[in-house]
Structure formats: C-alpha cells, structure tokens
Amino acid sequence: MAGYGTSLLVIQSTRPRVLALHRHFLRLARDWNPATGTLQDTMAEVGYICQQASTLFRQNAAITDEELIKAHIREAESRIELAKHYGTPYRRLAN
C-alpha cells in the first residue's frame, strides 16, 4: 500500500505542471505562424501540434514513476522551445 501513497503524491505534485504544459501546447497551436505563412501549412501544422499533444498526454497519463514523468516533462518543454525557435512543430531528427 505504500507504493500507492507514493505514486499518489507524485501525481499530485506533477499534475499542475503537466496541465500547464498541455495548455502551453494548445496556446502554441492557437498562435502558430509557420515559416512559409501559407494557410495550408498553418492548418497542417496546427493539426499536428494538437494531435501530438492529445496523443502523447493521453499515452503518458498512466505513468507513475517520478523520474519518467520528469523526463517526459523535460521532453515536452524541449519540444515547445524547439518549435518556437526553429518555427517547425515536427520532432527533430536524432543524430
């Protein structure tokens, strides 16, 4: 039963941060301006941002390992910053 209490504390401590990240992704999609500026590119990239946010947040909702949650939070923050900096919402290629 100790594991349940610990995982509950982890969820309670990270939930506000995760929800804030989800809102940040939705705001990013709402305010998105692609490098090309065409309506078609805008709609495709906004759709991608929303789809990725929805899919990944739902996929990771059941995770209770604190270190894994923190790793996913860092990845999400990194993706937001890279999207803003490079003007592309798509995942970067691994080197």
PDB file of N, CA and C in Angstrom:
ATOM      1  N   MET A   1       0.810  -1.190   0.000  1.00  0.00           N
ATOM      2  CA  MET A   1       0.000   0.000   0.000  1.00  0.00           C
ATOM      3  C   MET A   1       0.858   1.261   0.000  1.00  0.00           C
ATOM      4  N   ALA A   2       2.116   1.151   0.448  1.00  0.00           N
ATOM      5  CA  ALA A   2       2.999   2.311   0.483  1.00  0.00           C
ATOM      6  C   ALA A   2       3.265   2.833  -0.920  1.00  0.00           C
ATOM      7  N   GLY A   3       3.348   1.935  -1.892  1.00  0.00           N
ATOM      8  CA  GLY A   3       3.581   2.337  -3.268  1.00  0.00           C
ATOM      9  C   GLY A   3       2.458   3.187  -3.815  1.00  0.00           C
ATOM     10  N   TYR A   4       1.228   2.872  -3.416  1.00  0.00           N
ATOM     11  CA  TYR A   4       0.073   3.637  -3.876  1.00  0.00           C
ATOM     12  C   TYR A   4       0.136   5.062  -3.357  1.00  0.00           C
ATOM     13  N   GLY A   5       0.479   5.218  -2.067  1.00  0.00           N
ATOM     14  CA  GLY A   5       0.570   6.549  -1.482  1.00  0.00           C
ATOM     15  C   GLY A   5       1.672   7.373  -2.114  1.00  0.00           C
ATOM     16  N   THR A   6       2.786   6.738  -2.393  1.00  0.00           N
ATOM     17  CA  THR A   6       3.907   7.427  -3.020  1.00  0.00           C
ATOM     18  C   THR A   6       3.543   7.868  -4.430  1.00  0.00           C
ATOM     19  N   SER A   7       2.910   6.983  -5.198  1.00  0.00           N
ATOM     20  CA  SER A   7       2.548   7.351  -6.567  1.00  0.00           C
ATOM     21  C   SER A   7       1.483   8.442  -6.569  1.00  0.00           C
ATOM     22  N   LEU A   8       0.609   8.451  -5.584  1.00  0.00           N
ATOM     23  CA  LEU A   8      -0.405   9.492  -5.479  1.00  0.00           C
ATOM     24  C   LEU A   8       0.249  10.843  -5.218  1.00  0.00           C
ATOM     25  N   LEU A   9       1.277  10.866  -4.369  1.00  0.00           N
ATOM     26  CA  LEU A   9       1.999  12.105  -4.093  1.00  0.00           C
ATOM     27  C   LEU A   9       2.713  12.614  -5.339  1.00  0.00           C
ATOM     28  N   VAL A  10       3.296  11.695  -6.095  1.00  0.00           N
ATOM     29  CA  VAL A  10       3.987  12.070  -7.337  1.00  0.00           C
ATOM     30  C   VAL A  10       2.994  12.693  -8.310  1.00  0.00           C
ATOM     31  N   ILE A  11       1.847  12.062  -8.457  1.00  0.00           N
ATOM     32  CA  ILE A  11       0.826  12.564  -9.380  1.00  0.00           C
ATOM     33  C   ILE A  11       0.341  13.934  -8.929  1.00  0.00           C
ATOM     34  N   GLN A  12       0.088  14.088  -7.646  1.00  0.00           N
ATOM     35  CA  GLN A  12      -0.391  15.372  -7.135  1.00  0.00           C
ATOM     36  C   GLN A  12       0.649  16.467  -7.294  1.00  0.00           C
ATOM     37  N   SER A  13       1.914  16.135  -7.170  1.00  0.00           N
ATOM     38  CA  SER A  13       2.955  17.154  -7.269  1.00  0.00           C
ATOM     39  C   SER A  13       3.268  17.541  -8.715  1.00  0.00           C
ATOM     40  N   THR A  14       3.061  16.623  -9.659  1.00  0.00           N
ATOM     41  CA  THR A  14       3.392  16.930 -11.051  1.00  0.00           C
ATOM     42  C   THR A  14       2.177  17.330 -11.885  1.00  0.00           C
ATOM     43  N   ARG A  15       0.987  17.042 -11.412  1.00  0.00           N
ATOM     44  CA  ARG A  15      -0.232  17.323 -12.174  1.00  0.00           C
ATOM     45  C   ARG A  15      -0.354  18.786 -12.621  1.00  0.00           C
ATOM     46  N   PRO A  16      -0.154  19.775 -11.730  1.00  0.00           N
ATOM     47  CA  PRO A  16      -0.274  21.170 -12.175  1.00  0.00           C
ATOM     48  C   PRO A  16       0.719  21.519 -13.287  1.00  0.00           C
ATOM     49  N   ARG A  17       1.933  21.007 -13.178  1.00  0.00           N
ATOM     50  CA  ARG A  17       2.963  21.279 -14.191  1.00  0.00           C
ATOM     51  C   ARG A  17       2.589  20.644 -15.530  1.00  0.00           C
ATOM     52  N   VAL A  18       2.074  19.433 -15.488  1.00  0.00           N
ATOM     53  CA  VAL A  18       1.684  18.720 -16.709  1.00  0.00           C
ATOM     54  C   VAL A  18       0.495  19.429 -17.370  1.00  0.00           C
ATOM     55  N   LEU A  19      -0.476  19.821 -16.574  1.00  0.00           N
ATOM     56  CA  LEU A  19      -1.637  20.529 -17.130  1.00  0.00           C
ATOM     57  C   LEU A  19      -1.219  21.876 -17.727  1.00  0.00           C
ATOM     58  N   ALA A  20      -0.295  22.566 -17.074  1.00  0.00           N
ATOM     59  CA  ALA A  20       0.209  23.830 -17.613  1.00  0.00           C
ATOM     60  C   ALA A  20       0.909  23.604 -18.949  1.00  0.00           C
ATOM     61  N   LEU A  21       1.658  22.515 -19.057  1.00  0.00           N
ATOM     62  CA  LEU A  21       2.319  22.184 -20.326  1.00  0.00           C
ATOM     63  C   LEU A  21       1.295  21.902 -21.422  1.00  0.00           C
ATOM     64  N   HIS A  22       0.235  21.188 -21.075  1.00  0.00           N
ATOM     65  CA  HIS A  22      -0.809  20.891 -22.058  1.00  0.00           C
ATOM     66  C   HIS A  22      -1.444  22.195 -22.546  1.00  0.00           C
ATOM     67  N   ARG A  23      -1.743  23.108 -21.629  1.00  0.00           N
ATOM     68  CA  ARG A  23      -2.292  24.417 -22.021  1.00  0.00           C
ATOM     69  C   ARG A  23      -1.298  25.180 -22.900  1.00  0.00           C
ATOM     70  N   HIS A  24      -0.020  25.061 -22.575  1.00  0.00           N
ATOM     71  CA  HIS A  24       1.012  25.742 -23.367  1.00  0.00           C
ATOM     72  C   HIS A  24       1.015  25.223 -24.811  1.00  0.00           C
ATOM     73  N   PHE A  25       0.873  23.909 -24.976  1.00  0.00           N
ATOM     74  CA  PHE A  25       0.799  23.336 -26.325  1.00  0.00           C
ATOM     75  C   PHE A  25      -0.429  23.859 -27.069  1.00  0.00           C
ATOM     76  N   LEU A  26      -1.553  23.942 -26.379  1.00  0.00           N
ATOM     77  CA  LEU A  26      -2.776  24.437 -27.026  1.00  0.00           C
ATOM     78  C   LEU A  26      -2.646  25.914 -27.409  1.00  0.00           C
ATOM     79  N   ARG A  27      -2.011  26.706 -26.550  1.00  0.00           N
ATOM     80  CA  ARG A  27      -1.765  28.115 -26.896  1.00  0.00           C
ATOM     81  C   ARG A  27      -0.791  28.221 -28.067  1.00  0.00           C
ATOM     82  N   LEU A  28       0.215  27.365 -28.071  1.00  0.00           N
ATOM     83  CA  LEU A  28       1.172  27.349 -29.182  1.00  0.00           C
ATOM     84  C   LEU A  28       0.442  27.079 -30.493  1.00  0.00           C
ATOM     85  N   ALA A  29      -0.469  26.114 -30.479  1.00  0.00           N
ATOM     86  CA  ALA A  29      -1.242  25.793 -31.683  1.00  0.00           C
ATOM     87  C   ALA A  29      -2.127  26.964 -32.085  1.00  0.00           C
ATOM     88  N   ARG A  30      -2.765  27.603 -31.117  1.00  0.00           N
ATOM     89  CA  ARG A  30      -3.658  28.730 -31.404  1.00  0.00           C
ATOM     90  C   ARG A  30      -2.903  29.900 -32.050  1.00  0.00           C
ATOM     91  N   ASP A  31      -1.688  30.145 -31.588  1.00  0.00           N
ATOM     92  CA  ASP A  31      -0.910  31.297 -32.045  1.00  0.00           C
ATOM     93  C   ASP A  31       0.124  30.942 -33.112  1.00  0.00           C
ATOM     94  N   TRP A  32       0.071  29.739 -33.654  1.00  0.00           N
ATOM     95  CA  TRP A  32       1.116  29.252 -34.547  1.00  0.00           C
ATOM     96  C   TRP A  32       1.151  30.014 -35.870  1.00  0.00           C
ATOM     97  N   ASN A  33       2.348  30.396 -36.280  1.00  0.00           N
ATOM     98  CA  ASN A  33       2.606  31.008 -37.585  1.00  0.00           C
ATOM     99  C   ASN A  33       3.761  30.246 -38.222  1.00  0.00           C
ATOM    100  N   PRO A  34       3.483  29.444 -39.257  1.00  0.00           N
ATOM    101  CA  PRO A  34       4.572  28.681 -39.876  1.00  0.00           C
ATOM    102  C   PRO A  34       5.514  29.589 -40.653  1.00  0.00           C
ATOM    103  N   ALA A  35       6.694  29.080 -40.915  1.00  0.00           N
ATOM    104  CA  ALA A  35       7.710  29.852 -41.636  1.00  0.00           C
ATOM    105  C   ALA A  35       7.238  30.241 -43.033  1.00  0.00           C
ATOM    106  N   THR A  36       6.460  29.375 -43.684  1.00  0.00           N
ATOM    107  CA  THR A  36       6.012  29.677 -45.044  1.00  0.00           C
ATOM    108  C   THR A  36       4.867  30.670 -45.050  1.00  0.00           C
ATOM    109  N   GLY A  37       4.052  30.663 -44.004  1.00  0.00           N
ATOM    110  CA  GLY A  37       2.958  31.616 -43.900  1.00  0.00           C
ATOM    111  C   GLY A  37       1.717  31.265 -44.697  1.00  0.00           C
ATOM    112  N   THR A  38       1.703  30.127 -45.359  1.00  0.00           N
ATOM    113  CA  THR A  38       0.527  29.772 -46.148  1.00  0.00           C
ATOM    114  C   THR A  38      -0.544  29.161 -45.244  1.00  0.00           C
ATOM    115  N   LEU A  39      -1.786  29.345 -45.629  1.00  0.00           N
ATOM    116  CA  LEU A  39      -2.903  28.825 -44.855  1.00  0.00           C
ATOM    117  C   LEU A  39      -2.852  27.307 -44.768  1.00  0.00           C
ATOM    118  N   GLN A  40      -2.499  26.660 -45.863  1.00  0.00           N
ATOM    119  CA  GLN A  40      -2.434  25.194 -45.898  1.00  0.00           C
ATOM    120  C   GLN A  40      -1.389  24.681 -44.893  1.00  0.00           C
ATOM    121  N   ASP A  41      -0.215  25.301 -44.870  1.00  0.00           N
ATOM    122  CA  ASP A  41       0.831  24.890 -43.922  1.00  0.00           C
ATOM    123  C   ASP A  41       0.400  25.171 -42.492  1.00  0.00           C
ATOM    124  N   THR A  42      -0.236  26.316 -42.290  1.00  0.00           N
ATOM    125  CA  THR A  42      -0.700  26.660 -40.950  1.00  0.00           C
ATOM    126  C   THR A  42      -1.662  25.611 -40.432  1.00  0.00           C
ATOM    127  N   MET A  43      -2.651  25.242 -41.233  1.00  0.00           N
ATOM    128  CA  MET A  43      -3.656  24.276 -40.806  1.00  0.00           C
ATOM    129  C   MET A  43      -3.027  22.897 -40.548  1.00  0.00           C
ATOM    130  N   ALA A  44      -2.104  22.497 -41.403  1.00  0.00           N
ATOM    131  CA  ALA A  44      -1.449  21.198 -41.227  1.00  0.00           C
ATOM    132  C   ALA A  44      -0.621  21.173 -39.946  1.00  0.00           C
ATOM    133  N   GLU A  45       0.124  22.238 -39.687  1.00  0.00           N
ATOM    134  CA  GLU A  45       0.994  22.269 -38.518  1.00  0.00           C
ATOM    135  C   GLU A  45       0.201  22.432 -37.226  1.00  0.00           C
ATOM    136  N   VAL A  46      -0.867  23.226 -37.253  1.00  0.00           N
ATOM    137  CA  VAL A  46      -1.731  23.360 -36.079  1.00  0.00           C
ATOM    138  C   VAL A  46      -2.380  22.015 -35.763  1.00  0.00           C
ATOM    139  N   GLY A  47      -2.836  21.321 -36.782  1.00  0.00           N
ATOM    140  CA  GLY A  47      -3.409  19.988 -36.586  1.00  0.00           C
ATOM    141  C   GLY A  47      -2.402  19.028 -35.991  1.00  0.00           C
ATOM    142  N   TYR A  48      -1.174  19.105 -36.461  1.00  0.00           N
ATOM    143  CA  TYR A  48      -0.114  18.231 -35.943  1.00  0.00           C
ATOM    144  C   TYR A  48       0.164  18.531 -34.467  1.00  0.00           C
ATOM    145  N   ILE A  49       0.259  19.802 -34.115  1.00  0.00           N
ATOM    146  CA  ILE A  49       0.523  20.190 -32.727  1.00  0.00           C
ATOM    147  C   ILE A  49      -0.584  19.660 -31.814  1.00  0.00           C
ATOM    148  N   CYS A  50      -1.831  19.877 -32.201  1.00  0.00           N
ATOM    149  CA  CYS A  50      -2.965  19.427 -31.377  1.00  0.00           C
ATOM    150  C   CYS A  50      -3.012  17.908 -31.270  1.00  0.00           C
ATOM    151  N   GLN A  51      -2.776  17.231 -32.396  1.00  0.00           N
ATOM    152  CA  GLN A  51      -2.811  15.763 -32.406  1.00  0.00           C
ATOM    153  C   GLN A  51      -1.700  15.200 -31.536  1.00  0.00           C
ATOM    154  N   GLN A  52      -0.507  15.745 -31.648  1.00  0.00           N
ATOM    155  CA  GLN A  52       0.620  15.258 -30.849  1.00  0.00           C
ATOM    156  C   GLN A  52       0.381  15.499 -29.364  1.00  0.00           C
ATOM    157  N   ALA A  53      -0.099  16.683 -29.020  1.00  0.00           N
ATOM    158  CA  ALA A  53      -0.371  16.985 -27.613  1.00  0.00           C
ATOM    159  C   ALA A  53      -1.398  16.006 -27.053  1.00  0.00           C
ATOM    160  N   SER A  54      -2.476  15.826 -27.767  1.00  0.00           N
ATOM    161  CA  SER A  54      -3.533  14.933 -27.299  1.00  0.00           C
ATOM    162  C   SER A  54      -3.036  13.502 -27.167  1.00  0.00           C
ATOM    163  N   THR A  55      -2.390  13.007 -28.187  1.00  0.00           N
ATOM    164  CA  THR A  55      -1.916  11.624 -28.201  1.00  0.00           C
ATOM    165  C   THR A  55      -0.890  11.365 -27.099  1.00  0.00           C
ATOM    166  N   LEU A  56       0.123  12.210 -27.023  1.00  0.00           N
ATOM    167  CA  LEU A  56       1.207  11.959 -26.072  1.00  0.00           C
ATOM    168  C   LEU A  56       0.770  12.156 -24.626  1.00  0.00           C
ATOM    169  N   PHE A  57      -0.062  13.156 -24.372  1.00  0.00           N
ATOM    170  CA  PHE A  57      -0.517  13.356 -22.999  1.00  0.00           C
ATOM    171  C   PHE A  57      -1.413  12.213 -22.546  1.00  0.00           C
ATOM    172  N   ARG A  58      -2.279  11.729 -23.428  1.00  0.00           N
ATOM    173  CA  ARG A  58      -3.132  10.579 -23.069  1.00  0.00           C
ATOM    174  C   ARG A  58      -2.304   9.304 -22.911  1.00  0.00           C
ATOM    175  N   GLN A  59      -1.343   9.127 -23.790  1.00  0.00           N
ATOM    176  CA  GLN A  59      -0.495   7.938 -23.762  1.00  0.00           C
ATOM    177  C   GLN A  59       0.307   7.867 -22.452  1.00  0.00           C
ATOM    178  N   ASN A  60       0.712   9.008 -21.938  1.00  0.00           N
ATOM    179  CA  ASN A  60       1.561   9.046 -20.749  1.00  0.00           C
ATOM    180  C   ASN A  60       0.780   9.312 -19.461  1.00  0.00           C
ATOM    181  N   ALA A  61      -0.535   9.347 -19.532  1.00  0.00           N
ATOM    182  CA  ALA A  61      -1.362   9.682 -18.369  1.00  0.00           C
ATOM    183  C   ALA A  61      -1.241   8.671 -17.231  1.00  0.00           C
ATOM    184  N   ALA A  62      -0.972   7.419 -17.533  1.00  0.00           N
ATOM    185  CA  ALA A  62      -0.936   6.375 -16.511  1.00  0.00           C
ATOM    186  C   ALA A  62       0.441   6.203 -15.871  1.00  0.00           C
ATOM    187  N   ILE A  63       1.412   6.962 -16.294  1.00  0.00           N
ATOM    188  CA  ILE A  63       2.769   6.817 -15.751  1.00  0.00           C
ATOM    189  C   ILE A  63       2.804   7.330 -14.315  1.00  0.00           C
ATOM    190  N   THR A  64       3.409   6.545 -13.426  1.00  0.00           N
ATOM    191  CA  THR A  64       3.505   6.948 -12.020  1.00  0.00           C
ATOM    192  C   THR A  64       4.946   7.058 -11.533  1.00  0.00           C
ATOM    193  N   ASP A  65       5.905   6.631 -12.344  1.00  0.00           N
ATOM    194  CA  ASP A  65       7.315   6.734 -11.969  1.00  0.00           C
ATOM    195  C   ASP A  65       7.753   8.190 -12.066  1.00  0.00           C
ATOM    196  N   GLU A  66       8.198   8.747 -10.949  1.00  0.00           N
ATOM    197  CA  GLU A  66       8.528  10.171 -10.880  1.00  0.00           C
ATOM    198  C   GLU A  66       9.617  10.571 -11.877  1.00  0.00           C
ATOM    199  N   GLU A  67      10.642   9.770 -11.991  1.00  0.00           N
ATOM    200  CA  GLU A  67      11.737  10.104 -12.916  1.00  0.00           C
ATOM    201  C   GLU A  67      11.264  10.072 -14.370  1.00  0.00           C
ATOM    202  N   LEU A  68      10.428   9.123 -14.694  1.00  0.00           N
ATOM    203  CA  LEU A  68       9.895   9.037 -16.052  1.00  0.00           C
ATOM    204  C   LEU A  68       8.977  10.220 -16.354  1.00  0.00           C
ATOM    205  N   ILE A  69       8.180  10.612 -15.386  1.00  0.00           N
ATOM    206  CA  ILE A  69       7.311  11.789 -15.554  1.00  0.00           C
ATOM    207  C   ILE A  69       8.164  13.024 -15.792  1.00  0.00           C
ATOM    208  N   LYS A  70       9.209  13.195 -14.994  1.00  0.00           N
ATOM    209  CA  LYS A  70      10.098  14.354 -15.160  1.00  0.00           C
ATOM    210  C   LYS A  70      10.778  14.340 -16.522  1.00  0.00           C
ATOM    211  N   ALA A  71      11.150  13.155 -17.001  1.00  0.00           N
ATOM    212  CA  ALA A  71      11.776  13.044 -18.325  1.00  0.00           C
ATOM    213  C   ALA A  71      10.791  13.465 -19.420  1.00  0.00           C
ATOM    214  N   HIS A  72       9.539  13.049 -19.302  1.00  0.00           N
ATOM    215  CA  HIS A  72       8.526  13.442 -20.289  1.00  0.00           C
ATOM    216  C   HIS A  72       8.247  14.950 -20.216  1.00  0.00           C
ATOM    217  N   ILE A  73       8.269  15.510 -19.030  1.00  0.00           N
ATOM    218  CA  ILE A  73       8.076  16.960 -18.882  1.00  0.00           C
ATOM    219  C   ILE A  73       9.222  17.700 -19.563  1.00  0.00           C
ATOM    220  N   ARG A  74      10.453  17.256 -19.337  1.00  0.00           N
ATOM    221  CA  ARG A  74      11.607  17.893 -19.995  1.00  0.00           C
ATOM    222  C   ARG A  74      11.502  17.785 -21.517  1.00  0.00           C
ATOM    223  N   GLU A  75      11.073  16.619 -21.997  1.00  0.00           N
ATOM    224  CA  GLU A  75      10.911  16.433 -23.440  1.00  0.00           C
ATOM    225  C   GLU A  75       9.862  17.388 -23.996  1.00  0.00           C
ATOM    226  N   ALA A  76       8.744  17.536 -23.306  1.00  0.00           N
ATOM    227  CA  ALA A  76       7.678  18.441 -23.763  1.00  0.00           C
ATOM    228  C   ALA A  76       8.161  19.883 -23.771  1.00  0.00           C
ATOM    229  N   GLU A  77       8.852  20.294 -22.716  1.00  0.00           N
ATOM    230  CA  GLU A  77       9.380  21.660 -22.663  1.00  0.00           C
ATOM    231  C   GLU A  77      10.382  21.898 -23.786  1.00  0.00           C
ATOM    232  N   SER A  78      11.207  20.901 -24.058  1.00  0.00           N
ATOM    233  CA  SER A  78      12.186  20.998 -25.129  1.00  0.00           C
ATOM    234  C   SER A  78      11.494  21.134 -26.489  1.00  0.00           C
ATOM    235  N   ARG A  79      10.453  20.352 -26.706  1.00  0.00           N
ATOM    236  CA  ARG A  79       9.734  20.408 -27.987  1.00  0.00           C
ATOM    237  C   ARG A  79       9.079  21.773 -28.194  1.00  0.00           C
ATOM    238  N   ILE A  80       8.563  22.354 -27.127  1.00  0.00           N
ATOM    239  CA  ILE A  80       7.956  23.689 -27.231  1.00  0.00           C
ATOM    240  C   ILE A  80       9.014  24.708 -27.613  1.00  0.00           C
ATOM    241  N   GLU A  81      10.140  24.679 -26.923  1.00  0.00           N
ATOM    242  CA  GLU A  81      11.203  25.647 -27.202  1.00  0.00           C
ATOM    243  C   GLU A  81      11.783  25.469 -28.610  1.00  0.00           C
ATOM    244  N   LEU A  82      11.969  24.233 -29.039  1.00  0.00           N
ATOM    245  CA  LEU A  82      12.481  23.984 -30.389  1.00  0.00           C
ATOM    246  C   LEU A  82      11.483  24.439 -31.451  1.00  0.00           C
ATOM    247  N   ALA A  83      10.208  24.200 -31.209  1.00  0.00           N
ATOM    248  CA  ALA A  83       9.180  24.633 -32.166  1.00  0.00           C
ATOM    249  C   ALA A  83       9.185  26.149 -32.297  1.00  0.00           C
ATOM    250  N   LYS A  84       9.273  26.835 -31.178  1.00  0.00           N
ATOM    251  CA  LYS A  84       9.307  28.303 -31.218  1.00  0.00           C
ATOM    252  C   LYS A  84      10.570  28.808 -31.911  1.00  0.00           C
ATOM    253  N   HIS A  85      11.700  28.221 -31.558  1.00  0.00           N
ATOM    254  CA  HIS A  85      12.978  28.699 -32.082  1.00  0.00           C
ATOM    255  C   HIS A  85      13.146  28.434 -33.581  1.00  0.00           C
ATOM    256  N   TYR A  86      12.839  27.218 -34.004  1.00  0.00           N
ATOM    257  CA  TYR A  86      13.062  26.837 -35.397  1.00  0.00           C
ATOM    258  C   TYR A  86      11.840  27.018 -36.286  1.00  0.00           C
ATOM    259  N   GLY A  87      10.693  27.306 -35.702  1.00  0.00           N
ATOM    260  CA  GLY A  87       9.490  27.537 -36.491  1.00  0.00           C
ATOM    261  C   GLY A  87       8.893  26.286 -37.111  1.00  0.00           C
ATOM    262  N   THR A  88       9.179  25.150 -36.520  1.00  0.00           N
ATOM    263  CA  THR A  88       8.601  23.901 -37.014  1.00  0.00           C
ATOM    264  C   THR A  88       8.130  23.064 -35.823  1.00  0.00           C
ATOM    265  N   PRO A  89       6.917  22.557 -35.876  1.00  0.00           N
ATOM    266  CA  PRO A  89       6.412  21.768 -34.756  1.00  0.00           C
ATOM    267  C   PRO A  89       6.846  20.305 -34.796  1.00  0.00           C
ATOM    268  N   TYR A  90       7.469  19.899 -35.880  1.00  0.00           N
ATOM    269  CA  TYR A  90       7.801  18.489 -36.058  1.00  0.00           C
ATOM    270  C   TYR A  90       9.014  18.106 -35.215  1.00  0.00           C
ATOM    271  N   ARG A  91       9.015  16.859 -34.791  1.00  0.00           N
ATOM    272  CA  ARG A  91      10.105  16.339 -33.971  1.00  0.00           C
ATOM    273  C   ARG A  91      11.429  16.450 -34.698  1.00  0.00           C
ATOM    274  N   ARG A  92      12.454  16.753 -33.944  1.00  0.00           N
ATOM    275  CA  ARG A  92      13.780  16.831 -34.558  1.00  0.00           C
ATOM    276  C   ARG A  92      14.292  15.423 -34.826  1.00  0.00           C
ATOM    277  N   LEU A  93      15.115  15.315 -35.837  1.00  0.00           N
ATOM    278  CA  LEU A  93      15.706  14.021 -36.173  1.00  0.00           C
ATOM    279  C   LEU A  93      16.842  13.717 -35.215  1.00  0.00           C
ATOM    280  N   ALA A  94      16.975  12.475 -34.839  1.00  0.00           N
ATOM    281  CA  ALA A  94      18.063  12.064 -33.952  1.00  0.00           C
ATOM    282  C   ALA A  94      19.366  12.038 -34.735  1.00  0.00           C
ATOM    283  N   ASN A  95      20.428  12.417 -34.072  1.00  0.00           N
ATOM    284  CA  ASN A  95      21.739  12.423 -34.735  1.00  0.00           C
ATOM    285  C   ASN A  95      22.364  11.070 -34.670  1.00  0.00           C
TER     286      ASN A  95
END
